[in-house]
Amino acid sequence: MKSLVLRLFAAAAATAVAVSGCDAVMPGALDRPDTPVTTTGVGPGVTAETVKVVFVGVDLQRTSELTGFRSVDAGDPQAQVKALETWVNANGGIAGRRMQAVFRSYEASNDSPAAEEKLCNQVTQDDQAFAVVLTGQFQSNARPCYAQRRTLMLDATLVATDQKTYQQLAPYLWAASYPAYDEFVTAFLRTLSARQFFAGPVGVVAADTPSNRNAFDTVVAPYLREAKVTPTVAWVDTTDLGTLNAGLNQGAVAFRSKGIRQVMFLGGARMASFFLTAAAAQDFTARYAISSFDNPSFLVNNPATIPQAALKDMIGIGFNPSQDVPDAKYAFPATDAERACVSIFSAGGQSFKTRENARVALTYCDAARLLHAAARTLGADLNAAAWSDAARSLGRGFQPATGFSGLLGAGRFSAANGYRVLGYEQGCRCFTYLSEEASFGNG
């Protein structure tokens, strides 16, 4: 077991970004852009005829080869981007301009602040992009870099970004596929409470990041006080492998000594999968609460590194079917938005055996569809601020293909608005949805 722990943590640097990262925005990411915001004129990458949009991707197959972790094939991202470009331009383009889509591959195994600054420079200076679709950019300097260059971001990574972060980087940071972290945490707690998860001593494994700290202080702590629950919290520094390993092992030891039998995860960063292995090495087990931020499919797909006995009775919420449940539990495609995206890709010669194979393509599709939908009312003035105002006016008119229902409006920067109760089913050895759809927001 010890060798499994070491292998898991040794691989973390290469997998945390590439396989569907779930990290939070880290310290230093909240510097407000110093460029004046205006709704008049055009943003970077915009001409009278064209709009430049960069789609960032990571090499999942290469990462799987390096780590030995199983990662389901995500298809040809360049061909997927081309299919989206063709569809957008056949349907009016972006504010009447032809979209020029560029695909840039990012080497996740070499992730560092310097590498992400280099990528930002490539996108904003070499490509001169109006918008960038991000997958797997986790360093603290990434999102502020794009915002400071007035580049619109459609964040297609499972990043635990709270409302405060969106507001501080406004109007440049948006999520077409996933919810704001504050809304998620509220729904997560209510679901666990309804399932009597807080009936005994509770442990919390939490990423020590600004977004996660803020969510804990403003949402989690008050909620648990009201429920008369005093949790034992293991704050984990996810900066590097050493701090991650130390924090998770210390948490497991503390939970074991206090007789804790319920543990929930906050902040993503693959801590659930790492903790399950570290806990087994410390002879600790519990009932766990997880969510889409913890990538349930990864837990199921990697039995050689994830103790499968620990999955029993897991409970939580899911908002990302492609990495939550198999198609046998939630037919693919299931929604109008999913069907629309599958049709777009099919027209471009791209098909997917399962929804999990389409997990990256669907987020690309959400970003392209949101860019297109919000820009329909725009003309000469095409910039991040004008686009943002138009995006909010969509209200419930935009539905993410990656999840369930959508909601945009005043103060909202994330489009996802639907979730379902998620649980592990022993019979199929898979996760399944245990409820109908519920809403994060009420707008």
Protein backbone atom coordinates (compact mmCIF):
# COMPACT_ATOMS: atom_id res chain seq x y z
CA MET A 1 0.00 0.00 0.00
CA LYS A 2 2.83 2.39 0.78
CA SER A 3 4.18 2.00 -2.76
CA LEU A 4 0.75 2.85 -4.13
CA VAL A 5 0.67 6.02 -2.07
CA LEU A 6 4.08 7.07 -3.33
CA ARG A 7 3.14 6.35 -6.93
CA LEU A 8 -0.09 8.28 -6.62
CA PHE A 9 1.58 11.38 -5.25
CA ALA A 10 4.49 11.14 -7.66
CA ALA A 11 2.00 11.18 -10.52
CA ALA A 12 -0.07 14.02 -9.12
CA ALA A 13 1.97 16.76 -10.77
CA ALA A 14 1.21 15.38 -14.20
CA THR A 15 -2.40 14.40 -13.60
CA ALA A 16 -3.89 17.16 -11.48
CA VAL A 17 -4.00 19.45 -14.50
CA ALA A 18 -4.56 17.05 -17.34
CA VAL A 19 -7.11 14.51 -16.26
CA SER A 20 -9.82 17.02 -15.28
CA GLY A 21 -8.38 19.27 -12.72
CA CYS A 22 -10.31 20.52 -9.82
CA ASP A 23 -7.97 22.99 -8.16
CA ALA A 24 -9.06 26.37 -6.87
CA VAL A 25 -7.71 29.75 -7.86
CA MET A 26 -4.60 30.17 -5.75
CA PRO A 27 -3.04 33.08 -3.83
CA GLY A 28 -2.17 36.05 -5.97
CA ALA A 29 -4.98 35.33 -8.43
CA LEU A 30 -7.23 38.12 -7.22
CA ASP A 31 -5.38 41.19 -8.45
CA ARG A 32 -7.88 43.35 -10.28
CA PRO A 33 -6.96 44.08 -13.93
CA ASP A 34 -5.40 47.51 -14.29
CA THR A 35 -6.85 48.15 -17.78
CA PRO A 36 -9.95 50.41 -17.82
CA VAL A 37 -13.15 48.52 -18.59
CA THR A 38 -15.38 49.88 -21.36
CA THR A 39 -18.35 48.65 -23.40
CA THR A 40 -17.38 50.70 -26.45
CA GLY A 41 -14.89 49.80 -29.13
CA VAL A 42 -13.38 46.40 -29.85
CA GLY A 43 -11.30 44.10 -27.74
CA PRO A 44 -8.05 42.39 -28.74
CA GLY A 45 -8.28 39.95 -31.59
CA VAL A 46 -11.29 41.68 -33.18
CA THR A 47 -11.34 43.16 -36.66
CA ALA A 48 -14.21 44.26 -38.86
CA GLU A 49 -14.35 40.74 -40.34
CA THR A 50 -12.89 38.29 -37.80
CA VAL A 51 -12.69 37.31 -34.12
CA LYS A 52 -9.78 35.22 -32.79
CA VAL A 53 -10.68 32.53 -30.20
CA VAL A 54 -8.06 30.16 -28.73
CA PHE A 55 -9.00 26.75 -27.32
CA VAL A 56 -6.45 25.29 -24.91
CA GLY A 57 -6.13 21.53 -24.53
CA VAL A 58 -3.89 19.10 -22.66
CA ASP A 59 -2.46 15.78 -23.85
CA LEU A 60 -4.47 13.27 -21.82
CA GLN A 61 -2.98 10.24 -23.56
CA ARG A 62 0.57 11.38 -22.85
CA THR A 63 -0.29 11.96 -19.21
CA SER A 64 -1.80 8.48 -18.93
CA GLU A 65 1.39 7.00 -20.40
CA LEU A 66 3.53 8.87 -17.86
CA THR A 67 1.45 7.97 -14.83
CA GLY A 68 -0.17 4.63 -15.57
CA PHE A 69 -3.57 6.09 -14.69
CA ARG A 70 -6.49 5.18 -16.91
CA SER A 71 -7.95 8.10 -18.84
CA VAL A 72 -10.75 7.50 -21.33
CA ASP A 73 -9.94 8.78 -24.83
CA ALA A 74 -11.25 12.31 -25.40
CA GLY A 75 -10.99 12.28 -29.20
CA ASP A 76 -9.31 14.78 -31.51
CA PRO A 77 -9.51 18.25 -29.94
CA GLN A 78 -8.24 20.04 -33.03
CA ALA A 79 -10.96 18.48 -35.17
CA GLN A 80 -13.52 19.28 -32.47
CA VAL A 81 -12.47 22.94 -32.48
CA LYS A 82 -12.66 23.01 -36.29
CA ALA A 83 -16.21 21.62 -36.16
CA LEU A 84 -17.22 24.36 -33.73
CA GLU A 85 -15.62 27.04 -35.91
CA THR A 86 -17.56 25.77 -38.92
CA TRP A 87 -20.85 25.76 -37.01
CA VAL A 88 -20.39 29.24 -35.54
CA ASN A 89 -19.53 30.75 -38.91
CA ALA A 90 -22.43 29.00 -40.63
CA ASN A 91 -24.76 30.56 -38.07
CA GLY A 92 -23.79 34.23 -38.17
CA GLY A 93 -20.36 34.11 -36.57
CA ILE A 94 -19.50 36.21 -33.50
CA ALA A 95 -21.29 39.56 -33.71
CA GLY A 96 -21.36 39.23 -37.48
CA ARG A 97 -17.68 38.39 -37.70
CA ARG A 98 -16.07 35.13 -38.75
CA MET A 99 -14.62 33.19 -35.82
CA GLN A 100 -11.00 32.15 -36.28
CA ALA A 101 -10.48 29.22 -33.92
CA VAL A 102 -6.96 28.29 -32.84
CA PHE A 103 -6.06 25.17 -30.85
CA ARG A 104 -3.09 25.30 -28.50
CA SER A 105 -1.85 22.21 -26.69
CA TYR A 106 -0.48 22.68 -23.16
CA GLU A 107 1.99 20.22 -21.64
CA ALA A 108 0.38 19.54 -18.26
CA SER A 109 3.28 17.53 -16.88
CA ASN A 110 5.45 20.67 -17.07
CA ASP A 111 2.91 22.96 -15.41
CA SER A 112 4.44 25.91 -13.55
CA PRO A 113 3.87 29.66 -13.17
CA ALA A 114 6.49 30.27 -15.86
CA ALA A 115 4.84 27.80 -18.25
CA GLU A 116 1.43 29.36 -17.74
CA GLU A 117 2.82 32.87 -18.23
CA LYS A 118 4.35 31.63 -21.47
CA LEU A 119 0.98 30.24 -22.56
CA CYS A 120 -0.75 33.50 -21.64
CA ASN A 121 1.80 35.42 -23.70
CA GLN A 122 1.26 33.10 -26.66
CA VAL A 123 -2.52 33.50 -26.50
CA THR A 124 -2.61 37.24 -25.86
CA GLN A 125 0.45 38.44 -27.78
CA ASP A 126 1.19 35.89 -30.51
CA ASP A 127 -2.42 34.89 -31.21
CA GLN A 128 -3.90 38.22 -30.06
CA ALA A 129 -7.06 36.41 -29.00
CA PHE A 130 -10.36 38.03 -28.12
CA ALA A 131 -11.29 35.00 -26.01
CA VAL A 132 -9.59 31.91 -24.65
CA VAL A 133 -11.21 28.64 -23.61
CA LEU A 134 -9.17 27.35 -20.67
CA THR A 135 -8.67 23.72 -19.69
CA GLY A 136 -6.20 22.86 -16.96
CA GLN A 137 -4.66 26.21 -16.05
CA PHE A 138 -4.23 26.20 -12.27
CA GLN A 139 -1.30 28.42 -11.36
CA SER A 140 -2.05 31.63 -9.48
CA ASN A 141 -0.86 33.88 -12.28
CA ALA A 142 -2.97 32.37 -15.07
CA ARG A 143 -6.37 34.06 -14.93
CA PRO A 144 -5.14 37.51 -13.84
CA CYS A 145 -2.72 37.43 -16.78
CA TYR A 146 -5.54 37.09 -19.30
CA ALA A 147 -7.73 39.62 -17.50
CA GLN A 148 -4.96 42.20 -17.44
CA ARG A 149 -4.67 41.81 -21.23
CA ARG A 150 -8.46 42.31 -21.66
CA THR A 151 -8.87 38.75 -22.91
CA LEU A 152 -12.22 37.12 -22.24
CA MET A 153 -11.93 33.72 -20.49
CA LEU A 154 -14.40 30.88 -20.86
CA ASP A 155 -13.16 28.56 -18.11
CA ALA A 156 -13.74 24.96 -19.18
CA THR A 157 -11.93 23.44 -16.19
CA LEU A 158 -13.53 22.18 -13.00
CA VAL A 159 -12.06 25.04 -10.98
CA ALA A 160 -13.47 25.89 -7.56
CA THR A 161 -13.99 29.59 -8.30
CA ASP A 162 -16.16 31.61 -5.91
CA GLN A 163 -18.26 34.69 -6.59
CA LYS A 164 -15.65 36.98 -5.07
CA THR A 165 -13.07 35.82 -7.60
CA TYR A 166 -15.45 36.27 -10.53
CA GLN A 167 -16.26 39.79 -9.38
CA GLN A 168 -12.62 40.74 -8.89
CA LEU A 169 -11.72 39.55 -12.39
CA ALA A 170 -14.89 40.92 -14.01
CA PRO A 171 -15.82 41.17 -16.81
CA TYR A 172 -13.20 38.76 -18.12
CA LEU A 173 -13.75 35.45 -16.30
CA TRP A 174 -16.76 33.24 -17.13
CA ALA A 175 -17.74 29.57 -16.89
CA ALA A 176 -20.10 28.19 -19.52
CA SER A 177 -20.25 24.67 -18.07
CA TYR A 178 -19.86 24.70 -14.29
CA PRO A 179 -21.38 26.44 -11.24
CA ALA A 180 -19.96 29.14 -9.00
CA TYR A 181 -18.40 27.53 -5.94
CA ASP A 182 -20.55 29.37 -3.40
CA GLU A 183 -23.77 27.99 -4.89
CA PHE A 184 -22.29 24.54 -5.14
CA VAL A 185 -21.22 24.46 -1.48
CA THR A 186 -24.68 25.52 -0.30
CA ALA A 187 -26.36 22.77 -2.33
CA PHE A 188 -23.74 20.23 -1.22
CA LEU A 189 -24.36 20.93 2.48
CA ARG A 190 -28.15 20.82 2.14
CA THR A 191 -27.96 17.49 0.34
CA LEU A 192 -25.68 15.94 2.96
CA SER A 193 -27.88 17.22 5.76
CA ALA A 194 -30.97 15.71 4.16
CA ARG A 195 -29.13 12.38 3.97
CA GLN A 196 -28.18 12.54 7.70
CA PHE A 197 -24.49 12.77 6.86
CA PHE A 198 -23.87 15.09 9.83
CA ALA A 199 -25.33 12.72 12.42
CA GLY A 200 -21.90 11.92 13.91
CA PRO A 201 -18.41 13.46 14.13
CA VAL A 202 -17.46 15.01 10.79
CA GLY A 203 -14.09 15.52 9.15
CA VAL A 204 -13.46 18.00 6.34
CA VAL A 205 -10.57 17.71 3.90
CA ALA A 206 -10.20 21.19 2.42
CA ALA A 207 -7.82 22.75 -0.09
CA ASP A 208 -6.08 25.69 1.55
CA THR A 209 -6.84 28.23 -1.19
CA PRO A 210 -8.47 31.69 -1.08
CA SER A 211 -11.68 30.58 -2.81
CA ASN A 212 -12.05 27.55 -0.59
CA ARG A 213 -11.21 29.47 2.61
CA ASN A 214 -13.78 32.11 1.69
CA ALA A 215 -16.44 29.48 0.95
CA PHE A 216 -15.72 27.73 4.24
CA ASP A 217 -15.85 30.92 6.31
CA THR A 218 -18.97 32.38 4.68
CA VAL A 219 -21.00 29.26 3.89
CA VAL A 220 -19.74 26.04 5.49
CA ALA A 221 -18.87 27.23 9.01
CA PRO A 222 -22.17 29.13 9.56
CA TYR A 223 -24.18 26.20 8.19
CA LEU A 224 -22.48 23.64 10.44
CA ARG A 225 -22.80 25.93 13.49
CA GLU A 226 -26.52 26.16 12.84
CA ALA A 227 -26.64 22.35 12.64
CA LYS A 228 -24.64 22.15 15.90
CA VAL A 229 -21.79 20.36 14.13
CA THR A 230 -18.16 21.07 15.06
CA PRO A 231 -16.03 19.60 12.28
CA THR A 232 -12.40 18.59 12.39
CA VAL A 233 -10.85 20.37 9.41
CA ALA A 234 -7.69 19.22 7.62
CA TRP A 235 -6.50 22.24 5.63
CA VAL A 236 -4.27 20.92 2.85
CA ASP A 237 -1.67 23.01 1.09
CA THR A 238 -1.91 21.86 -2.54
CA THR A 239 1.08 23.90 -3.74
CA ASP A 240 3.35 20.90 -4.29
CA LEU A 241 3.56 17.16 -3.73
CA GLY A 242 5.31 17.44 -0.38
CA THR A 243 2.74 19.74 1.22
CA LEU A 244 -0.13 17.77 -0.33
CA ASN A 245 1.17 14.46 0.96
CA ALA A 246 1.89 15.83 4.43
CA GLY A 247 -1.51 17.50 4.76
CA LEU A 248 -3.51 14.46 3.69
CA ASN A 249 -1.60 12.07 5.93
CA GLN A 250 -1.93 14.41 8.91
CA GLY A 251 -5.63 14.66 8.23
CA ALA A 252 -6.07 10.89 8.15
CA VAL A 253 -4.18 10.50 11.43
CA ALA A 254 -6.23 13.24 13.12
CA PHE A 255 -9.52 11.77 11.91
CA ARG A 256 -8.57 8.29 13.09
CA SER A 257 -7.60 9.54 16.54
CA LYS A 258 -10.92 11.37 16.94
CA GLY A 259 -13.04 8.43 15.78
CA ILE A 260 -14.43 10.32 12.80
CA ARG A 261 -16.52 8.23 10.43
CA GLN A 262 -17.88 10.86 8.03
CA VAL A 263 -15.51 12.84 5.80
CA MET A 264 -16.36 15.44 3.15
CA PHE A 265 -14.11 17.09 0.58
CA LEU A 266 -13.97 20.77 -0.35
CA GLY A 267 -11.87 22.41 -3.05
CA GLY A 268 -11.31 19.65 -5.57
CA ALA A 269 -7.60 19.40 -6.49
CA ARG A 270 -7.96 15.60 -6.71
CA MET A 271 -7.78 15.47 -2.93
CA ALA A 272 -10.50 12.81 -2.71
CA SER A 273 -8.55 10.27 -4.76
CA PHE A 274 -5.27 11.15 -3.03
CA PHE A 275 -6.84 11.03 0.43
CA LEU A 276 -8.46 7.63 -0.09
CA THR A 277 -5.04 6.12 -0.76
CA ALA A 278 -3.30 8.01 2.05
CA ALA A 279 -6.08 7.06 4.48
CA ALA A 280 -5.77 3.37 3.61
CA ALA A 281 -2.06 3.56 4.41
CA GLN A 282 -3.00 5.00 7.82
CA ASP A 283 -5.62 2.27 8.45
CA PHE A 284 -8.38 4.86 8.36
CA THR A 285 -11.72 4.49 6.63
CA ALA A 286 -14.95 6.44 6.66
CA ARG A 287 -18.10 7.26 4.75
CA TYR A 288 -17.17 9.92 2.22
CA ALA A 289 -19.06 12.81 0.65
CA ILE A 290 -17.88 13.84 -2.81
CA SER A 291 -19.04 15.81 -5.85
CA SER A 292 -18.25 16.42 -9.51
CA PHE A 293 -15.29 18.51 -8.28
CA ASP A 294 -13.76 15.21 -7.12
CA ASN A 295 -14.19 13.48 -10.51
CA PRO A 296 -16.14 10.35 -9.49
CA SER A 297 -15.34 8.52 -12.74
CA PHE A 298 -11.62 8.71 -11.91
CA LEU A 299 -12.27 6.90 -8.63
CA VAL A 300 -14.03 4.09 -10.47
CA ASN A 301 -11.65 3.89 -13.44
CA ASN A 302 -8.47 3.41 -11.41
CA PRO A 303 -8.94 0.46 -9.04
CA ALA A 304 -5.19 -0.19 -8.98
CA THR A 305 -4.59 3.09 -7.13
CA ILE A 306 -7.95 3.90 -5.52
CA PRO A 307 -9.14 1.51 -2.76
CA GLN A 308 -12.52 0.46 -4.14
CA ALA A 309 -13.87 -0.52 -0.71
CA ALA A 310 -13.73 3.16 0.23
CA LEU A 311 -16.35 3.98 -2.44
CA LYS A 312 -19.08 2.12 -0.58
CA ASP A 313 -21.93 4.42 0.57
CA MET A 314 -20.35 7.54 -0.97
CA ILE A 315 -22.87 10.36 -1.33
CA GLY A 316 -22.86 13.87 -2.73
CA ILE A 317 -24.01 15.90 -5.71
CA GLY A 318 -23.18 15.81 -9.40
CA PHE A 319 -23.46 18.46 -12.10
CA ASN A 320 -21.14 16.97 -14.74
CA PRO A 321 -22.57 13.69 -16.11
CA SER A 322 -19.56 13.02 -18.34
CA GLN A 323 -17.41 12.47 -15.24
CA ASP A 324 -20.14 11.42 -12.81
CA VAL A 325 -22.07 8.43 -14.12
CA PRO A 326 -21.97 5.86 -16.97
CA ASP A 327 -24.35 6.18 -19.92
CA ALA A 328 -26.32 3.18 -18.65
CA LYS A 329 -27.38 5.35 -15.71
CA TYR A 330 -28.03 8.53 -17.69
CA ALA A 331 -28.63 8.08 -21.42
CA PHE A 332 -26.38 9.91 -23.87
CA PRO A 333 -27.30 12.36 -25.27
CA ALA A 334 -29.93 13.39 -22.72
CA THR A 335 -30.64 17.12 -23.16
CA ASP A 336 -31.34 19.46 -26.06
CA ALA A 337 -27.95 21.08 -25.49
CA GLU A 338 -26.14 17.73 -25.57
CA ARG A 339 -27.98 16.76 -28.72
CA ALA A 340 -27.08 20.09 -30.33
CA CYS A 341 -23.38 19.62 -29.55
CA VAL A 342 -23.36 16.00 -30.72
CA SER A 343 -24.93 17.18 -33.98
CA ILE A 344 -22.31 19.93 -34.41
CA PHE A 345 -19.47 17.48 -33.92
CA SER A 346 -21.11 14.84 -36.11
CA ALA A 347 -21.30 17.36 -38.96
CA GLY A 348 -17.55 17.81 -38.51
CA GLY A 349 -16.87 14.08 -38.65
CA GLN A 350 -16.47 13.66 -34.88
CA SER A 351 -18.34 10.99 -32.90
CA PHE A 352 -18.15 9.70 -29.33
CA LYS A 353 -18.68 6.17 -28.11
CA THR A 354 -19.75 7.38 -24.65
CA ARG A 355 -20.43 10.68 -22.89
CA GLU A 356 -17.13 10.33 -21.01
CA ASN A 357 -15.31 10.31 -24.36
CA ALA A 358 -17.00 13.66 -25.06
CA ARG A 359 -16.15 15.25 -21.71
CA VAL A 360 -13.68 17.78 -23.16
CA ALA A 361 -15.55 18.35 -26.41
CA LEU A 362 -18.76 19.26 -24.56
CA THR A 363 -17.00 21.98 -22.58
CA TYR A 364 -15.54 23.38 -25.81
CA CYS A 365 -19.03 23.30 -27.30
CA ASP A 366 -20.51 25.14 -24.31
CA ALA A 367 -17.89 27.87 -24.62
CA ALA A 368 -18.45 28.31 -28.37
CA ARG A 369 -22.24 28.28 -28.01
CA LEU A 370 -22.18 30.86 -25.21
CA LEU A 371 -19.81 33.11 -27.13
CA HIS A 372 -22.10 32.87 -30.15
CA ALA A 373 -25.39 33.29 -28.28
CA ALA A 374 -24.33 36.37 -26.30
CA ALA A 375 -22.82 38.08 -29.32
CA ARG A 376 -25.96 37.90 -31.44
CA THR A 377 -27.14 41.31 -30.19
CA LEU A 378 -23.72 42.95 -30.58
CA GLY A 379 -22.32 44.77 -33.58
CA ALA A 380 -19.51 47.26 -33.93
CA ASP A 381 -18.68 47.27 -30.21
CA LEU A 382 -17.32 43.82 -29.43
CA ASN A 383 -15.33 43.66 -26.20
CA ALA A 384 -15.42 41.71 -22.95
CA ALA A 385 -17.64 44.20 -21.09
CA ALA A 386 -20.21 44.50 -23.88
CA TRP A 387 -20.23 40.73 -24.35
CA SER A 388 -20.69 40.19 -20.60
CA ASP A 389 -23.73 42.46 -20.48
CA ALA A 390 -25.22 40.54 -23.40
CA ALA A 391 -24.44 37.16 -21.80
CA ARG A 392 -26.35 38.05 -18.63
CA SER A 393 -29.40 39.00 -20.69
CA LEU A 394 -29.68 35.36 -21.83
CA GLY A 395 -31.26 34.43 -18.49
CA ARG A 396 -32.47 30.83 -18.75
CA GLY A 397 -31.97 30.84 -22.52
CA PHE A 398 -28.57 29.15 -22.38
CA GLN A 399 -28.28 25.50 -21.29
CA PRO A 400 -24.85 23.90 -20.81
CA ALA A 401 -24.37 20.64 -22.69
CA THR A 402 -21.94 19.60 -19.95
CA GLY A 403 -24.64 19.55 -17.28
CA PHE A 404 -28.31 20.26 -16.79
CA SER A 405 -30.21 23.56 -16.76
CA GLY A 406 -28.62 26.99 -17.13
CA LEU A 407 -29.12 30.38 -15.52
CA LEU A 408 -27.55 33.75 -16.30
CA GLY A 409 -28.46 37.18 -15.02
CA ALA A 410 -27.36 40.06 -12.80
CA GLY A 411 -24.17 39.24 -10.92
CA ARG A 412 -23.77 35.80 -12.48
CA PHE A 413 -20.60 34.69 -14.28
CA SER A 414 -21.28 30.93 -14.38
CA ALA A 415 -24.03 29.37 -16.46
CA ALA A 416 -24.63 25.98 -14.81
CA ASN A 417 -27.70 25.82 -12.59
CA GLY A 418 -28.65 22.17 -12.20
CA TYR A 419 -27.44 19.26 -10.07
CA ARG A 420 -28.60 15.84 -8.84
CA VAL A 421 -27.89 13.78 -5.76
CA LEU A 422 -25.05 11.38 -6.54
CA GLY A 423 -24.26 8.07 -4.89
CA TYR A 424 -22.15 4.95 -5.35
CA GLU A 425 -24.03 1.80 -6.36
CA GLN A 426 -22.38 -1.45 -5.32
CA GLY A 427 -24.21 -3.54 -7.92
CA CYS A 428 -22.78 -1.77 -10.97
CA ARG A 429 -19.64 -0.58 -9.18
CA CYS A 430 -20.38 2.86 -10.49
CA PHE A 431 -21.90 6.16 -9.43
CA THR A 432 -25.52 6.92 -10.22
CA TYR A 433 -27.97 9.78 -9.79
CA LEU A 434 -30.40 9.34 -6.89
CA SER A 435 -32.72 12.28 -7.52
CA GLU A 436 -34.29 14.48 -10.12
CA GLU A 437 -32.61 17.77 -11.02
CA ALA A 438 -32.50 20.59 -8.48
CA SER A 439 -31.33 24.20 -8.96
CA PHE A 440 -28.29 26.01 -7.58
CA GLY A 441 -29.81 29.48 -8.06
CA ASN A 442 -33.30 30.91 -7.98
CA GLY A 443 -33.09 33.70 -10.54
